[in-house]
């Protein structure tokens, strides 16, 4: 996933910035600035969050059901 697509998806999910998304998933905000291509594990989280949003499920609900701190 290219950064352009990543930025578009996190906006669609409802995050105002990469930093806020990073905060939500427990990653340092500066981490995204070093990526030219988004790693697979971040891509999966992003796509899961988008699917959840499209189906009326919050990222918080997913986190709670998976028991992720």
PDB file of N, CA and C in Angstrom:
ATOM      1  N   UNK A   1       0.857  -1.172   0.000  1.00  0.00           N
ATOM      2  CA  UNK A   1       0.000   0.000   0.000  1.00  0.00           C
ATOM      3  C   UNK A   1       0.902   1.234   0.000  1.00  0.00           C
ATOM      4  N   UNK A   2       0.652   2.111  -0.931  1.00  0.00           N
ATOM      5  CA  UNK A   2       1.393   3.365  -1.006  1.00  0.00           C
ATOM      6  C   UNK A   2       0.863   4.337   0.045  1.00  0.00           C
ATOM      7  N   UNK A   3       1.705   5.278   0.438  1.00  0.00           N
ATOM      8  CA  UNK A   3       1.301   6.242   1.468  1.00  0.00           C
ATOM      9  C   UNK A   3       0.072   7.056   1.056  1.00  0.00           C
ATOM     10  N   UNK A   4      -0.043   7.380  -0.217  1.00  0.00           N
ATOM     11  CA  UNK A   4      -1.189   8.163  -0.694  1.00  0.00           C
ATOM     12  C   UNK A   4      -2.497   7.424  -0.409  1.00  0.00           C
ATOM     13  N   UNK A   5      -2.524   6.126  -0.725  1.00  0.00           N
ATOM     14  CA  UNK A   5      -3.720   5.317  -0.476  1.00  0.00           C
ATOM     15  C   UNK A   5      -3.979   5.203   1.028  1.00  0.00           C
ATOM     16  N   UNK A   6      -2.911   5.013   1.791  1.00  0.00           N
ATOM     17  CA  UNK A   6      -3.008   4.917   3.243  1.00  0.00           C
ATOM     18  C   UNK A   6      -3.641   6.177   3.827  1.00  0.00           C
ATOM     19  N   UNK A   7      -3.141   7.331   3.414  1.00  0.00           N
ATOM     20  CA  UNK A   7      -3.673   8.601   3.919  1.00  0.00           C
ATOM     21  C   UNK A   7      -5.157   8.752   3.575  1.00  0.00           C
ATOM     22  N   UNK A   8      -5.524   8.343   2.365  1.00  0.00           N
ATOM     23  CA  UNK A   8      -6.924   8.425   1.934  1.00  0.00           C
ATOM     24  C   UNK A   8      -7.812   7.543   2.820  1.00  0.00           C
ATOM     25  N   UNK A   9      -7.345   6.323   3.094  1.00  0.00           N
ATOM     26  CA  UNK A   9      -8.138   5.390   3.899  1.00  0.00           C
ATOM     27  C   UNK A   9      -8.290   5.874   5.328  1.00  0.00           C
ATOM     28  N   UNK A  10      -7.211   6.385   5.933  1.00  0.00           N
ATOM     29  CA  UNK A  10      -7.365   6.822   7.328  1.00  0.00           C
ATOM     30  C   UNK A  10      -8.281   8.033   7.435  1.00  0.00           C
ATOM     31  N   UNK A  11      -8.300   8.866   6.415  1.00  0.00           N
ATOM     32  CA  UNK A  11      -9.270   9.977   6.394  1.00  0.00           C
ATOM     33  C   UNK A  11     -10.692   9.427   6.293  1.00  0.00           C
ATOM     34  N   UNK A  12     -10.886   8.430   5.435  1.00  0.00           N
ATOM     35  CA  UNK A  12     -12.198   7.810   5.257  1.00  0.00           C
ATOM     36  C   UNK A  12     -12.673   7.140   6.553  1.00  0.00           C
ATOM     37  N   UNK A  13     -11.737   6.556   7.278  1.00  0.00           N
ATOM     38  CA  UNK A  13     -12.071   5.923   8.552  1.00  0.00           C
ATOM     39  C   UNK A  13     -12.534   6.969   9.562  1.00  0.00           C
ATOM     40  N   UNK A  14     -11.985   8.183   9.438  1.00  0.00           N
ATOM     41  CA  UNK A  14     -12.398   9.254  10.334  1.00  0.00           C
ATOM     42  C   UNK A  14     -11.282   9.866  11.160  1.00  0.00           C
ATOM     43  N   UNK A  15     -10.050   9.543  10.831  1.00  0.00           N
ATOM     44  CA  UNK A  15      -8.921  10.119  11.562  1.00  0.00           C
ATOM     45  C   UNK A  15      -8.437  11.365  10.841  1.00  0.00           C
ATOM     46  N   UNK A  16      -8.205  12.454  11.588  1.00  0.00           N
ATOM     47  CA  UNK A  16      -7.782  13.696  10.953  1.00  0.00           C
ATOM     48  C   UNK A  16      -6.328  13.682  10.470  1.00  0.00           C
ATOM     49  N   UNK A  17      -5.542  12.741  11.006  1.00  0.00           N
ATOM     50  CA  UNK A  17      -4.125  12.708  10.635  1.00  0.00           C
ATOM     51  C   UNK A  17      -3.538  11.321  10.844  1.00  0.00           C
ATOM     52  N   UNK A  18      -2.359  11.121  10.254  1.00  0.00           N
ATOM     53  CA  UNK A  18      -1.636   9.877  10.462  1.00  0.00           C
ATOM     54  C   UNK A  18      -1.261   9.720  11.940  1.00  0.00           C
ATOM     55  N   UNK A  19      -0.934  10.845  12.554  1.00  0.00           N
ATOM     56  CA  UNK A  19      -0.549  10.832  13.970  1.00  0.00           C
ATOM     57  C   UNK A  19      -1.662  10.325  14.864  1.00  0.00           C
ATOM     58  N   UNK A  20      -2.880  10.764  14.614  1.00  0.00           N
ATOM     59  CA  UNK A  20      -4.022  10.319  15.425  1.00  0.00           C
ATOM     60  C   UNK A  20      -4.301   8.834  15.204  1.00  0.00           C
ATOM     61  N   UNK A  21      -4.157   8.382  13.966  1.00  0.00           N
ATOM     62  CA  UNK A  21      -4.336   6.965  13.682  1.00  0.00           C
ATOM     63  C   UNK A  21      -3.252   6.158  14.391  1.00  0.00           C
ATOM     64  N   UNK A  22      -2.021   6.621  14.307  1.00  0.00           N
ATOM     65  CA  UNK A  22      -0.910   5.945  14.966  1.00  0.00           C
ATOM     66  C   UNK A  22      -1.170   5.818  16.463  1.00  0.00           C
ATOM     67  N   UNK A  23      -1.628   6.912  17.062  1.00  0.00           N
ATOM     68  CA  UNK A  23      -1.965   6.928  18.490  1.00  0.00           C
ATOM     69  C   UNK A  23      -3.006   5.854  18.807  1.00  0.00           C
ATOM     70  N   UNK A  24      -4.007   5.750  17.970  1.00  0.00           N
ATOM     71  CA  UNK A  24      -5.101   4.802  18.175  1.00  0.00           C
ATOM     72  C   UNK A  24      -4.627   3.350  18.129  1.00  0.00           C
ATOM     73  N   UNK A  25      -3.653   3.057  17.265  1.00  0.00           N
ATOM     74  CA  UNK A  25      -3.197   1.670  17.138  1.00  0.00           C
ATOM     75  C   UNK A  25      -1.927   1.389  17.938  1.00  0.00           C
ATOM     76  N   UNK A  26      -1.477   2.385  18.712  1.00  0.00           N
ATOM     77  CA  UNK A  26      -0.339   2.166  19.597  1.00  0.00           C
ATOM     78  C   UNK A  26       1.019   2.229  18.927  1.00  0.00           C
ATOM     79  N   UNK A  27       1.133   3.058  17.901  1.00  0.00           N
ATOM     80  CA  UNK A  27       2.392   3.234  17.180  1.00  0.00           C
ATOM     81  C   UNK A  27       2.812   4.691  17.332  1.00  0.00           C
ATOM     82  N   UNK A  28       4.110   4.956  17.404  1.00  0.00           N
ATOM     83  CA  UNK A  28       4.577   6.342  17.465  1.00  0.00           C
ATOM     84  C   UNK A  28       4.163   7.066  16.191  1.00  0.00           C
ATOM     85  N   UNK A  29       3.699   8.284  16.346  1.00  0.00           N
ATOM     86  CA  UNK A  29       3.233   9.065  15.197  1.00  0.00           C
ATOM     87  C   UNK A  29       4.338   9.275  14.170  1.00  0.00           C
ATOM     88  N   UNK A  30       5.561   9.391  14.613  1.00  0.00           N
ATOM     89  CA  UNK A  30       6.672   9.619  13.689  1.00  0.00           C
ATOM     90  C   UNK A  30       7.011   8.394  12.856  1.00  0.00           C
ATOM     91  N   UNK A  31       6.515   7.246  13.258  1.00  0.00           N
ATOM     92  CA  UNK A  31       6.785   6.007  12.524  1.00  0.00           C
ATOM     93  C   UNK A  31       6.341   6.113  11.070  1.00  0.00           C
ATOM     94  N   UNK A  32       5.182   6.659  10.818  1.00  0.00           N
ATOM     95  CA  UNK A  32       4.643   6.730   9.462  1.00  0.00           C
ATOM     96  C   UNK A  32       5.456   7.636   8.543  1.00  0.00           C
ATOM     97  N   UNK A  33       6.141   8.605   9.115  1.00  0.00           N
ATOM     98  CA  UNK A  33       6.922   9.512   8.274  1.00  0.00           C
ATOM     99  C   UNK A  33       8.129   8.810   7.655  1.00  0.00           C
ATOM    100  N   UNK A  34       8.565   7.713   8.244  1.00  0.00           N
ATOM    101  CA  UNK A  34       9.728   6.997   7.717  1.00  0.00           C
ATOM    102  C   UNK A  34       9.362   5.982   6.641  1.00  0.00           C
ATOM    103  N   UNK A  35       8.097   5.652   6.509  1.00  0.00           N
ATOM    104  CA  UNK A  35       7.672   4.640   5.538  1.00  0.00           C
ATOM    105  C   UNK A  35       7.461   5.236   4.159  1.00  0.00           C
ATOM    106  N   UNK A  36       7.999   4.571   3.142  1.00  0.00           N
ATOM    107  CA  UNK A  36       7.663   4.908   1.765  1.00  0.00           C
ATOM    108  C   UNK A  36       6.493   4.045   1.333  1.00  0.00           C
ATOM    109  N   UNK A  37       6.488   2.799   1.785  1.00  0.00           N
ATOM    110  CA  UNK A  37       5.399   1.853   1.556  1.00  0.00           C
ATOM    111  C   UNK A  37       4.949   1.366   2.929  1.00  0.00           C
ATOM    112  N   UNK A  38       3.657   1.352   3.146  1.00  0.00           N
ATOM    113  CA  UNK A  38       3.110   0.943   4.440  1.00  0.00           C
ATOM    114  C   UNK A  38       3.294  -0.565   4.623  1.00  0.00           C
ATOM    115  N   UNK A  39       3.850  -0.991   5.772  1.00  0.00           N
ATOM    116  CA  UNK A  39       4.061  -2.426   6.021  1.00  0.00           C
ATOM    117  C   UNK A  39       2.753  -3.205   6.094  1.00  0.00           C
ATOM    118  N   UNK A  40       2.851  -4.490   5.846  1.00  0.00           N
ATOM    119  CA  UNK A  40       1.689  -5.366   5.779  1.00  0.00           C
ATOM    120  C   UNK A  40       0.851  -5.327   7.053  1.00  0.00           C
ATOM    121  N   UNK A  41       1.469  -5.344   8.225  1.00  0.00           N
ATOM    122  CA  UNK A  41       0.683  -5.375   9.455  1.00  0.00           C
ATOM    123  C   UNK A  41      -0.126  -4.090   9.648  1.00  0.00           C
ATOM    124  N   UNK A  42       0.417  -2.963   9.252  1.00  0.00           N
ATOM    125  CA  UNK A  42      -0.321  -1.688   9.342  1.00  0.00           C
ATOM    126  C   UNK A  42      -1.415  -1.663   8.278  1.00  0.00           C
ATOM    127  N   UNK A  43      -1.111  -2.183   7.109  1.00  0.00           N
ATOM    128  CA  UNK A  43      -2.102  -2.249   6.027  1.00  0.00           C
ATOM    129  C   UNK A  43      -3.314  -3.072   6.474  1.00  0.00           C
ATOM    130  N   UNK A  44      -3.073  -4.188   7.139  1.00  0.00           N
ATOM    131  CA  UNK A  44      -4.175  -5.034   7.612  1.00  0.00           C
ATOM    132  C   UNK A  44      -5.042  -4.299   8.629  1.00  0.00           C
ATOM    133  N   UNK A  45      -4.395  -3.617   9.558  1.00  0.00           N
ATOM    134  CA  UNK A  45      -5.146  -2.851  10.566  1.00  0.00           C
ATOM    135  C   UNK A  45      -5.985  -1.780   9.878  1.00  0.00           C
ATOM    136  N   UNK A  46      -5.396  -1.101   8.915  1.00  0.00           N
ATOM    137  CA  UNK A  46      -6.098  -0.028   8.197  1.00  0.00           C
ATOM    138  C   UNK A  46      -7.314  -0.568   7.451  1.00  0.00           C
ATOM    139  N   UNK A  47      -7.136  -1.662   6.750  1.00  0.00           N
ATOM    140  CA  UNK A  47      -8.252  -2.238   5.988  1.00  0.00           C
ATOM    141  C   UNK A  47      -9.328  -2.806   6.908  1.00  0.00           C
ATOM    142  N   UNK A  48      -8.922  -3.382   8.024  1.00  0.00           N
ATOM    143  CA  UNK A  48      -9.881  -3.873   9.004  1.00  0.00           C
ATOM    144  C   UNK A  48     -10.694  -2.714   9.578  1.00  0.00           C
ATOM    145  N   UNK A  49     -10.020  -1.622   9.888  1.00  0.00           N
ATOM    146  CA  UNK A  49     -10.714  -0.445  10.408  1.00  0.00           C
ATOM    147  C   UNK A  49     -11.688   0.120   9.383  1.00  0.00           C
ATOM    148  N   UNK A  50     -11.309   0.118   8.118  1.00  0.00           N
ATOM    149  CA  UNK A  50     -12.194   0.613   7.063  1.00  0.00           C
ATOM    150  C   UNK A  50     -13.419  -0.287   6.925  1.00  0.00           C
ATOM    151  N   UNK A  51     -13.214  -1.586   6.912  1.00  0.00           N
ATOM    152  CA  UNK A  51     -14.347  -2.519   6.846  1.00  0.00           C
ATOM    153  C   UNK A  51     -15.275  -2.341   8.040  1.00  0.00           C
ATOM    154  N   UNK A  52     -14.691  -2.167   9.203  1.00  0.00           N
ATOM    155  CA  UNK A  52     -15.495  -1.962  10.410  1.00  0.00           C
ATOM    156  C   UNK A  52     -16.341  -0.705  10.272  1.00  0.00           C
ATOM    157  N   UNK A  53     -15.708   0.383   9.860  1.00  0.00           N
ATOM    158  CA  UNK A  53     -16.423   1.660   9.696  1.00  0.00           C
ATOM    159  C   UNK A  53     -17.573   1.506   8.698  1.00  0.00           C
ATOM    160  N   UNK A  54     -17.326   0.833   7.593  1.00  0.00           N
ATOM    161  CA  UNK A  54     -18.347   0.643   6.565  1.00  0.00           C
ATOM    162  C   UNK A  54     -19.513  -0.204   7.065  1.00  0.00           C
ATOM    163  N   UNK A  55     -19.269  -0.983   8.122  1.00  0.00           N
ATOM    164  CA  UNK A  55     -20.304  -1.862   8.664  1.00  0.00           C
ATOM    165  C   UNK A  55     -20.802  -1.418  10.042  1.00  0.00           C
ATOM    166  N   UNK A  56     -20.484  -0.196  10.416  1.00  0.00           N
ATOM    167  CA  UNK A  56     -21.002   0.373  11.650  1.00  0.00           C
ATOM    168  C   UNK A  56     -20.367  -0.152  12.932  1.00  0.00           C
ATOM    169  N   UNK A  57     -19.148  -0.666  12.825  1.00  0.00           N
ATOM    170  CA  UNK A  57     -18.443  -1.185  13.997  1.00  0.00           C
ATOM    171  C   UNK A  57     -17.247  -0.280  14.256  1.00  0.00           C
ATOM    172  N   UNK A  58     -17.086   0.149  15.500  1.00  0.00           N
ATOM    173  CA  UNK A  58     -15.971   1.033  15.817  1.00  0.00           C
ATOM    174  C   UNK A  58     -14.688   0.246  16.027  1.00  0.00           C
ATOM    175  N   UNK A  59     -13.575   0.915  15.824  1.00  0.00           N
ATOM    176  CA  UNK A  59     -12.279   0.302  16.064  1.00  0.00           C
ATOM    177  C   UNK A  59     -12.154  -0.085  17.540  1.00  0.00           C
ATOM    178  N   UNK A  60     -12.754   0.700  18.397  1.00  0.00           N
ATOM    179  CA  UNK A  60     -12.755   0.407  19.843  1.00  0.00           C
ATOM    180  C   UNK A  60     -13.480  -0.918  20.130  1.00  0.00           C
ATOM    181  N   UNK A  61     -14.592  -1.161  19.458  1.00  0.00           N
ATOM    182  CA  UNK A  61     -15.318  -2.422  19.639  1.00  0.00           C
ATOM    183  C   UNK A  61     -14.464  -3.611  19.220  1.00  0.00           C
ATOM    184  N   UNK A  62     -13.727  -3.442  18.128  1.00  0.00           N
ATOM    185  CA  UNK A  62     -12.851  -4.525  17.672  1.00  0.00           C
ATOM    186  C   UNK A  62     -11.756  -4.756  18.695  1.00  0.00           C
ATOM    187  N   UNK A  63     -11.153  -3.674  19.143  1.00  0.00           N
ATOM    188  CA  UNK A  63     -10.087  -3.795  20.133  1.00  0.00           C
ATOM    189  C   UNK A  63     -10.582  -4.507  21.383  1.00  0.00           C
ATOM    190  N   UNK A  64     -11.751  -4.126  21.850  1.00  0.00           N
ATOM    191  CA  UNK A  64     -12.307  -4.755  23.057  1.00  0.00           C
ATOM    192  C   UNK A  64     -12.615  -6.236  22.851  1.00  0.00           C
ATOM    193  N   UNK A  65     -13.153  -6.581  21.698  1.00  0.00           N
ATOM    194  CA  UNK A  65     -13.500  -7.982  21.455  1.00  0.00           C
ATOM    195  C   UNK A  65     -12.240  -8.840  21.292  1.00  0.00           C
ATOM    196  N   UNK A  66     -11.144  -8.233  20.827  1.00  0.00           N
ATOM    197  CA  UNK A  66      -9.894  -8.966  20.693  1.00  0.00           C
ATOM    198  C   UNK A  66      -9.041  -8.895  21.951  1.00  0.00           C
ATOM    199  N   UNK A  67      -9.537  -8.118  22.930  1.00  0.00           N
ATOM    200  CA  UNK A  67      -8.823  -7.903  24.189  1.00  0.00           C
ATOM    201  C   UNK A  67      -7.412  -7.332  23.962  1.00  0.00           C
ATOM    202  N   UNK A  68      -7.347  -6.302  23.105  1.00  0.00           N
ATOM    203  CA  UNK A  68      -6.083  -5.623  22.800  1.00  0.00           C
ATOM    204  C   UNK A  68      -6.017  -4.364  23.640  1.00  0.00           C
ATOM    205  N   UNK A  69      -4.923  -4.183  24.334  1.00  0.00           N
ATOM    206  CA  UNK A  69      -4.725  -2.946  25.146  1.00  0.00           C
ATOM    207  C   UNK A  69      -4.316  -1.802  24.267  1.00  0.00           C
TER     208      UNK A  69
END
